[in-house]
């Protein structure tokens, strides 16, 4: 029996987020921004426009910092050989 615990197969979710984390962060932020703007325009709630802009900016900052911390953890956790 062969052991499949090679570094390339360890922590697949961590590796996926490290590889695609920045793009996922931007896409989720744009979804929140466009959803808030569309909701504000559809229901004539103009206060949702600046609130969705601030929420999207905060979300982007949090997600990008999460991805950066995950990259640091992955560098120390996943062997390079």
PDB file of N, CA and C in Angstrom:
ATOM      1  N   UNK A   1       0.823  -1.182   0.000  1.00  0.00           N
ATOM      2  CA  UNK A   1       0.000   0.000   0.000  1.00  0.00           C
ATOM      3  C   UNK A   1       0.870   1.249   0.000  1.00  0.00           C
ATOM      4  N   UNK A   2       0.472   2.216  -0.756  1.00  0.00           N
ATOM      5  CA  UNK A   2       1.259   3.434  -0.853  1.00  0.00           C
ATOM      6  C   UNK A   2       0.601   4.544  -0.032  1.00  0.00           C
ATOM      7  N   UNK A   3       1.389   5.274   0.681  1.00  0.00           N
ATOM      8  CA  UNK A   3       0.888   6.364   1.498  1.00  0.00           C
ATOM      9  C   UNK A   3       0.787   7.631   0.653  1.00  0.00           C
ATOM     10  N   UNK A   4      -0.402   8.248   0.616  1.00  0.00           N
ATOM     11  CA  UNK A   4      -0.628   9.444  -0.207  1.00  0.00           C
ATOM     12  C   UNK A   4      -0.548  10.730   0.603  1.00  0.00           C
ATOM     13  N   UNK A   5       0.310  10.773   1.587  1.00  0.00           N
ATOM     14  CA  UNK A   5       0.464  11.979   2.393  1.00  0.00           C
ATOM     15  C   UNK A   5       1.598  12.854   1.878  1.00  0.00           C
ATOM     16  N   UNK A   6       1.738  12.937   0.592  1.00  0.00           N
ATOM     17  CA  UNK A   6       2.788  13.777   0.019  1.00  0.00           C
ATOM     18  C   UNK A   6       2.424  15.241   0.228  1.00  0.00           C
ATOM     19  N   UNK A   7       3.406  16.143   0.215  1.00  0.00           N
ATOM     20  CA  UNK A   7       3.118  17.561   0.438  1.00  0.00           C
ATOM     21  C   UNK A   7       2.122  18.142  -0.553  1.00  0.00           C
ATOM     22  N   UNK A   8       2.096  17.623  -1.763  1.00  0.00           N
ATOM     23  CA  UNK A   8       1.164  18.172  -2.745  1.00  0.00           C
ATOM     24  C   UNK A   8      -0.273  17.792  -2.433  1.00  0.00           C
ATOM     25  N   UNK A   9      -0.488  16.762  -1.603  1.00  0.00           N
ATOM     26  CA  UNK A   9      -1.842  16.329  -1.281  1.00  0.00           C
ATOM     27  C   UNK A   9      -2.252  16.728   0.131  1.00  0.00           C
ATOM     28  N   UNK A  10      -1.365  17.326   0.895  1.00  0.00           N
ATOM     29  CA  UNK A  10      -1.680  17.757   2.244  1.00  0.00           C
ATOM     30  C   UNK A  10      -2.456  19.062   2.207  1.00  0.00           C
ATOM     31  N   UNK A  11      -3.481  19.143   2.999  1.00  0.00           N
ATOM     32  CA  UNK A  11      -4.253  20.373   3.176  1.00  0.00           C
ATOM     33  C   UNK A  11      -4.750  20.954   1.839  1.00  0.00           C
ATOM     34  N   UNK A  12      -5.598  20.236   1.133  1.00  0.00           N
ATOM     35  CA  UNK A  12      -6.036  20.729  -0.178  1.00  0.00           C
ATOM     36  C   UNK A  12      -6.850  22.019  -0.107  1.00  0.00           C
ATOM     37  N   UNK A  13      -7.624  22.202   0.938  1.00  0.00           N
ATOM     38  CA  UNK A  13      -8.423  23.430   1.052  1.00  0.00           C
ATOM     39  C   UNK A  13      -7.520  24.631   1.293  1.00  0.00           C
ATOM     40  N   UNK A  14      -6.521  24.461   2.122  1.00  0.00           N
ATOM     41  CA  UNK A  14      -5.566  25.542   2.373  1.00  0.00           C
ATOM     42  C   UNK A  14      -4.843  25.911   1.083  1.00  0.00           C
ATOM     43  N   UNK A  15      -4.413  24.907   0.339  1.00  0.00           N
ATOM     44  CA  UNK A  15      -3.725  25.179  -0.917  1.00  0.00           C
ATOM     45  C   UNK A  15      -4.640  25.849  -1.926  1.00  0.00           C
ATOM     46  N   UNK A  16      -5.924  25.457  -1.943  1.00  0.00           N
ATOM     47  CA  UNK A  16      -6.880  26.085  -2.855  1.00  0.00           C
ATOM     48  C   UNK A  16      -7.050  27.564  -2.519  1.00  0.00           C
ATOM     49  N   UNK A  17      -7.204  27.885  -1.223  1.00  0.00           N
ATOM     50  CA  UNK A  17      -7.365  29.280  -0.818  1.00  0.00           C
ATOM     51  C   UNK A  17      -6.094  30.093  -1.035  1.00  0.00           C
ATOM     52  N   UNK A  18      -4.943  29.472  -0.843  1.00  0.00           N
ATOM     53  CA  UNK A  18      -3.690  30.186  -1.088  1.00  0.00           C
ATOM     54  C   UNK A  18      -3.570  30.531  -2.569  1.00  0.00           C
ATOM     55  N   UNK A  19      -3.966  29.613  -3.428  1.00  0.00           N
ATOM     56  CA  UNK A  19      -3.849  29.837  -4.872  1.00  0.00           C
ATOM     57  C   UNK A  19      -4.889  30.813  -5.403  1.00  0.00           C
ATOM     58  N   UNK A  20      -6.101  30.792  -4.847  1.00  0.00           N
ATOM     59  CA  UNK A  20      -7.195  31.571  -5.417  1.00  0.00           C
ATOM     60  C   UNK A  20      -7.808  32.577  -4.451  1.00  0.00           C
ATOM     61  N   UNK A  21      -7.179  32.791  -3.327  1.00  0.00           N
ATOM     62  CA  UNK A  21      -7.775  33.609  -2.274  1.00  0.00           C
ATOM     63  C   UNK A  21      -8.032  35.049  -2.656  1.00  0.00           C
ATOM     64  N   UNK A  22      -7.094  35.662  -3.366  1.00  0.00           N
ATOM     65  CA  UNK A  22      -7.266  37.062  -3.733  1.00  0.00           C
ATOM     66  C   UNK A  22      -8.444  37.238  -4.698  1.00  0.00           C
ATOM     67  N   UNK A  23      -8.565  36.353  -5.678  1.00  0.00           N
ATOM     68  CA  UNK A  23      -9.669  36.440  -6.638  1.00  0.00           C
ATOM     69  C   UNK A  23     -11.009  36.182  -5.956  1.00  0.00           C
ATOM     70  N   UNK A  24     -11.058  35.201  -5.062  1.00  0.00           N
ATOM     71  CA  UNK A  24     -12.297  34.909  -4.331  1.00  0.00           C
ATOM     72  C   UNK A  24     -12.691  36.105  -3.468  1.00  0.00           C
ATOM     73  N   UNK A  25     -11.716  36.754  -2.844  1.00  0.00           N
ATOM     74  CA  UNK A  25     -11.988  37.928  -2.021  1.00  0.00           C
ATOM     75  C   UNK A  25     -12.605  39.053  -2.849  1.00  0.00           C
ATOM     76  N   UNK A  26     -12.035  39.297  -4.011  1.00  0.00           N
ATOM     77  CA  UNK A  26     -12.546  40.369  -4.872  1.00  0.00           C
ATOM     78  C   UNK A  26     -13.950  40.040  -5.377  1.00  0.00           C
ATOM     79  N   UNK A  27     -14.176  38.788  -5.773  1.00  0.00           N
ATOM     80  CA  UNK A  27     -15.496  38.396  -6.280  1.00  0.00           C
ATOM     81  C   UNK A  27     -16.564  38.524  -5.193  1.00  0.00           C
ATOM     82  N   UNK A  28     -16.275  38.048  -3.986  1.00  0.00           N
ATOM     83  CA  UNK A  28     -17.242  38.167  -2.900  1.00  0.00           C
ATOM     84  C   UNK A  28     -17.519  39.623  -2.540  1.00  0.00           C
ATOM     85  N   UNK A  29     -16.480  40.441  -2.572  1.00  0.00           N
ATOM     86  CA  UNK A  29     -16.660  41.860  -2.281  1.00  0.00           C
ATOM     87  C   UNK A  29     -17.519  42.529  -3.340  1.00  0.00           C
ATOM     88  N   UNK A  30     -17.276  42.207  -4.596  1.00  0.00           N
ATOM     89  CA  UNK A  30     -18.098  42.789  -5.667  1.00  0.00           C
ATOM     90  C   UNK A  30     -19.545  42.328  -5.579  1.00  0.00           C
ATOM     91  N   UNK A  31     -19.775  41.078  -5.189  1.00  0.00           N
ATOM     92  CA  UNK A  31     -21.148  40.600  -5.001  1.00  0.00           C
ATOM     93  C   UNK A  31     -21.869  41.386  -3.911  1.00  0.00           C
ATOM     94  N   UNK A  32     -21.187  41.628  -2.805  1.00  0.00           N
ATOM     95  CA  UNK A  32     -21.789  42.408  -1.724  1.00  0.00           C
ATOM     96  C   UNK A  32     -22.054  43.840  -2.184  1.00  0.00           C
ATOM     97  N   UNK A  33     -21.087  44.423  -2.873  1.00  0.00           N
ATOM     98  CA  UNK A  33     -21.242  45.797  -3.346  1.00  0.00           C
ATOM     99  C   UNK A  33     -22.399  45.916  -4.333  1.00  0.00           C
ATOM    100  N   UNK A  34     -22.415  45.072  -5.354  1.00  0.00           N
ATOM    101  CA  UNK A  34     -23.479  45.145  -6.352  1.00  0.00           C
ATOM    102  C   UNK A  34     -24.834  44.775  -5.766  1.00  0.00           C
ATOM    103  N   UNK A  35     -24.864  43.824  -4.849  1.00  0.00           N
ATOM    104  CA  UNK A  35     -26.120  43.467  -4.194  1.00  0.00           C
ATOM    105  C   UNK A  35     -26.671  44.606  -3.361  1.00  0.00           C
ATOM    106  N   UNK A  36     -25.810  45.281  -2.635  1.00  0.00           N
ATOM    107  CA  UNK A  36     -26.256  46.427  -1.840  1.00  0.00           C
ATOM    108  C   UNK A  36     -26.716  47.588  -2.697  1.00  0.00           C
ATOM    109  N   UNK A  37     -25.982  47.864  -3.755  1.00  0.00           N
ATOM    110  CA  UNK A  37     -26.369  48.961  -4.656  1.00  0.00           C
ATOM    111  C   UNK A  37     -27.679  48.620  -5.365  1.00  0.00           C
ATOM    112  N   UNK A  38     -27.804  47.396  -5.853  1.00  0.00           N
ATOM    113  CA  UNK A  38     -29.030  46.997  -6.538  1.00  0.00           C
ATOM    114  C   UNK A  38     -30.226  47.030  -5.591  1.00  0.00           C
ATOM    115  N   UNK A  39     -30.018  46.549  -4.363  1.00  0.00           N
ATOM    116  CA  UNK A  39     -31.099  46.598  -3.380  1.00  0.00           C
ATOM    117  C   UNK A  39     -31.500  48.020  -3.036  1.00  0.00           C
ATOM    118  N   UNK A  40     -30.503  48.881  -2.883  1.00  0.00           N
ATOM    119  CA  UNK A  40     -30.799  50.281  -2.588  1.00  0.00           C
ATOM    120  C   UNK A  40     -31.541  50.970  -3.715  1.00  0.00           C
ATOM    121  N   UNK A  41     -31.148  50.689  -4.935  1.00  0.00           N
ATOM    122  CA  UNK A  41     -31.837  51.292  -6.077  1.00  0.00           C
ATOM    123  C   UNK A  41     -33.230  50.703  -6.283  1.00  0.00           C
ATOM    124  N   UNK A  42     -33.370  49.394  -6.092  1.00  0.00           N
ATOM    125  CA  UNK A  42     -34.663  48.740  -6.309  1.00  0.00           C
ATOM    126  C   UNK A  42     -35.701  49.182  -5.283  1.00  0.00           C
ATOM    127  N   UNK A  43     -35.291  49.353  -4.033  1.00  0.00           N
ATOM    128  CA  UNK A  43     -36.232  49.712  -2.975  1.00  0.00           C
ATOM    129  C   UNK A  43     -36.183  51.188  -2.613  1.00  0.00           C
ATOM    130  N   UNK A  44     -35.466  51.962  -3.397  1.00  0.00           N
ATOM    131  CA  UNK A  44     -35.336  53.413  -3.177  1.00  0.00           C
ATOM    132  C   UNK A  44     -34.858  53.735  -1.762  1.00  0.00           C
ATOM    133  N   UNK A  45     -33.960  52.905  -1.282  1.00  0.00           N
ATOM    134  CA  UNK A  45     -33.330  53.141   0.015  1.00  0.00           C
ATOM    135  C   UNK A  45     -31.923  53.655  -0.251  1.00  0.00           C
ATOM    136  N   UNK A  46     -31.806  54.950  -0.405  1.00  0.00           N
ATOM    137  CA  UNK A  46     -30.549  55.554  -0.847  1.00  0.00           C
ATOM    138  C   UNK A  46     -29.431  55.395   0.181  1.00  0.00           C
ATOM    139  N   UNK A  47     -29.766  55.196   1.439  1.00  0.00           N
ATOM    140  CA  UNK A  47     -28.742  55.019   2.461  1.00  0.00           C
ATOM    141  C   UNK A  47     -27.981  53.704   2.277  1.00  0.00           C
ATOM    142  N   UNK A  48     -28.571  52.750   1.525  1.00  0.00           N
ATOM    143  CA  UNK A  48     -27.881  51.488   1.286  1.00  0.00           C
ATOM    144  C   UNK A  48     -26.668  51.646   0.363  1.00  0.00           C
ATOM    145  N   UNK A  49     -26.641  52.684  -0.444  1.00  0.00           N
ATOM    146  CA  UNK A  49     -25.517  52.879  -1.363  1.00  0.00           C
ATOM    147  C   UNK A  49     -24.209  53.125  -0.616  1.00  0.00           C
ATOM    148  N   UNK A  50     -24.129  54.125   0.266  1.00  0.00           N
ATOM    149  CA  UNK A  50     -22.855  54.295   0.987  1.00  0.00           C
ATOM    150  C   UNK A  50     -22.582  53.173   1.990  1.00  0.00           C
ATOM    151  N   UNK A  51     -23.638  52.603   2.573  1.00  0.00           N
ATOM    152  CA  UNK A  51     -23.444  51.505   3.520  1.00  0.00           C
ATOM    153  C   UNK A  51     -22.852  50.285   2.810  1.00  0.00           C
ATOM    154  N   UNK A  52     -23.355  49.986   1.613  1.00  0.00           N
ATOM    155  CA  UNK A  52     -22.810  48.840   0.879  1.00  0.00           C
ATOM    156  C   UNK A  52     -21.381  49.102   0.425  1.00  0.00           C
ATOM    157  N   UNK A  53     -21.055  50.348   0.123  1.00  0.00           N
ATOM    158  CA  UNK A  53     -19.676  50.682  -0.255  1.00  0.00           C
ATOM    159  C   UNK A  53     -18.725  50.492   0.924  1.00  0.00           C
ATOM    160  N   UNK A  54     -19.129  50.952   2.095  1.00  0.00           N
ATOM    161  CA  UNK A  54     -18.302  50.789   3.296  1.00  0.00           C
ATOM    162  C   UNK A  54     -18.208  49.315   3.671  1.00  0.00           C
ATOM    163  N   UNK A  55     -19.338  48.595   3.598  1.00  0.00           N
ATOM    164  CA  UNK A  55     -19.328  47.162   3.939  1.00  0.00           C
ATOM    165  C   UNK A  55     -18.426  46.385   2.987  1.00  0.00           C
ATOM    166  N   UNK A  56     -18.461  46.739   1.712  1.00  0.00           N
ATOM    167  CA  UNK A  56     -17.607  46.050   0.739  1.00  0.00           C
ATOM    168  C   UNK A  56     -16.133  46.341   1.006  1.00  0.00           C
ATOM    169  N   UNK A  57     -15.816  47.568   1.363  1.00  0.00           N
ATOM    170  CA  UNK A  57     -14.423  47.919   1.651  1.00  0.00           C
ATOM    171  C   UNK A  57     -13.917  47.173   2.896  1.00  0.00           C
ATOM    172  N   UNK A  58     -14.741  47.104   3.930  1.00  0.00           N
ATOM    173  CA  UNK A  58     -14.358  46.385   5.147  1.00  0.00           C
ATOM    174  C   UNK A  58     -14.227  44.890   4.853  1.00  0.00           C
ATOM    175  N   UNK A  59     -15.169  44.348   4.092  1.00  0.00           N
ATOM    176  CA  UNK A  59     -15.110  42.932   3.739  1.00  0.00           C
ATOM    177  C   UNK A  59     -13.851  42.610   2.943  1.00  0.00           C
ATOM    178  N   UNK A  60     -13.506  43.459   1.992  1.00  0.00           N
ATOM    179  CA  UNK A  60     -12.303  43.228   1.202  1.00  0.00           C
ATOM    180  C   UNK A  60     -11.061  43.240   2.094  1.00  0.00           C
ATOM    181  N   UNK A  61     -10.977  44.185   2.993  1.00  0.00           N
ATOM    182  CA  UNK A  61      -9.841  44.231   3.909  1.00  0.00           C
ATOM    183  C   UNK A  61      -9.747  42.997   4.779  1.00  0.00           C
ATOM    184  N   UNK A  62     -10.874  42.537   5.307  1.00  0.00           N
ATOM    185  CA  UNK A  62     -10.874  41.344   6.154  1.00  0.00           C
ATOM    186  C   UNK A  62     -10.506  40.090   5.365  1.00  0.00           C
ATOM    187  N   UNK A  63     -11.080  39.940   4.175  1.00  0.00           N
ATOM    188  CA  UNK A  63     -10.791  38.749   3.387  1.00  0.00           C
ATOM    189  C   UNK A  63      -9.344  38.711   2.911  1.00  0.00           C
ATOM    190  N   UNK A  64      -8.820  39.844   2.482  1.00  0.00           N
ATOM    191  CA  UNK A  64      -7.426  39.868   2.037  1.00  0.00           C
ATOM    192  C   UNK A  64      -6.465  39.597   3.193  1.00  0.00           C
ATOM    193  N   UNK A  65      -6.795  40.100   4.380  1.00  0.00           N
ATOM    194  CA  UNK A  65      -5.936  39.812   5.528  1.00  0.00           C
ATOM    195  C   UNK A  65      -6.036  38.342   5.919  1.00  0.00           C
ATOM    196  N   UNK A  66      -7.209  37.752   5.785  1.00  0.00           N
ATOM    197  CA  UNK A  66      -7.367  36.324   6.050  1.00  0.00           C
ATOM    198  C   UNK A  66      -6.524  35.503   5.083  1.00  0.00           C
ATOM    199  N   UNK A  67      -6.545  35.870   3.815  1.00  0.00           N
ATOM    200  CA  UNK A  67      -5.751  35.149   2.819  1.00  0.00           C
ATOM    201  C   UNK A  67      -4.263  35.296   3.122  1.00  0.00           C
ATOM    202  N   UNK A  68      -3.851  36.473   3.541  1.00  0.00           N
ATOM    203  CA  UNK A  68      -2.433  36.686   3.864  1.00  0.00           C
ATOM    204  C   UNK A  68      -2.006  35.847   5.066  1.00  0.00           C
ATOM    205  N   UNK A  69      -2.840  35.800   6.087  1.00  0.00           N
ATOM    206  CA  UNK A  69      -2.532  34.965   7.255  1.00  0.00           C
ATOM    207  C   UNK A  69      -2.506  33.490   6.860  1.00  0.00           C
ATOM    208  N   UNK A  70      -3.428  33.096   5.994  1.00  0.00           N
ATOM    209  CA  UNK A  70      -3.453  31.718   5.536  1.00  0.00           C
ATOM    210  C   UNK A  70      -2.199  31.375   4.736  1.00  0.00           C
ATOM    211  N   UNK A  71      -1.686  32.316   3.971  1.00  0.00           N
ATOM    212  CA  UNK A  71      -0.432  32.090   3.238  1.00  0.00           C
ATOM    213  C   UNK A  71       0.742  31.911   4.196  1.00  0.00           C
ATOM    214  N   UNK A  72       0.768  32.695   5.249  1.00  0.00           N
ATOM    215  CA  UNK A  72       1.833  32.561   6.242  1.00  0.00           C
ATOM    216  C   UNK A  72       1.745  31.204   6.920  1.00  0.00           C
ATOM    217  N   UNK A  73       0.543  30.799   7.289  1.00  0.00           N
ATOM    218  CA  UNK A  73       0.355  29.498   7.925  1.00  0.00           C
ATOM    219  C   UNK A  73       0.745  28.381   6.972  1.00  0.00           C
ATOM    220  N   UNK A  74       0.351  28.510   5.713  1.00  0.00           N
ATOM    221  CA  UNK A  74       0.675  27.476   4.729  1.00  0.00           C
ATOM    222  C   UNK A  74       2.181  27.368   4.517  1.00  0.00           C
ATOM    223  N   UNK A  75       2.877  28.499   4.545  1.00  0.00           N
ATOM    224  CA  UNK A  75       4.334  28.461   4.373  1.00  0.00           C
ATOM    225  C   UNK A  75       5.020  27.717   5.514  1.00  0.00           C
ATOM    226  N   UNK A  76       4.463  27.818   6.702  1.00  0.00           N
ATOM    227  CA  UNK A  76       5.077  27.137   7.841  1.00  0.00           C
ATOM    228  C   UNK A  76       4.532  25.724   8.037  1.00  0.00           C
ATOM    229  N   UNK A  77       3.344  25.459   7.536  1.00  0.00           N
ATOM    230  CA  UNK A  77       2.695  24.175   7.804  1.00  0.00           C
ATOM    231  C   UNK A  77       2.963  23.135   6.728  1.00  0.00           C
ATOM    232  N   UNK A  78       2.972  23.545   5.472  1.00  0.00           N
ATOM    233  CA  UNK A  78       3.105  22.594   4.367  1.00  0.00           C
ATOM    234  C   UNK A  78       4.572  22.463   3.992  1.00  0.00           C
ATOM    235  N   UNK A  79       5.111  21.264   4.047  1.00  0.00           N
ATOM    236  CA  UNK A  79       6.510  21.076   3.683  1.00  0.00           C
ATOM    237  C   UNK A  79       6.733  21.369   2.186  1.00  0.00           C
ATOM    238  N   UNK A  80       7.929  21.812   1.846  1.00  0.00           N
ATOM    239  CA  UNK A  80       8.239  22.224   0.483  1.00  0.00           C
ATOM    240  C   UNK A  80       8.918  21.142  -0.346  1.00  0.00           C
ATOM    241  N   UNK A  81       9.247  20.015   0.243  1.00  0.00           N
ATOM    242  CA  UNK A  81       9.975  18.978  -0.489  1.00  0.00           C
ATOM    243  C   UNK A  81       9.068  18.095  -1.299  1.00  0.00           C
TER     244      UNK A  81
END
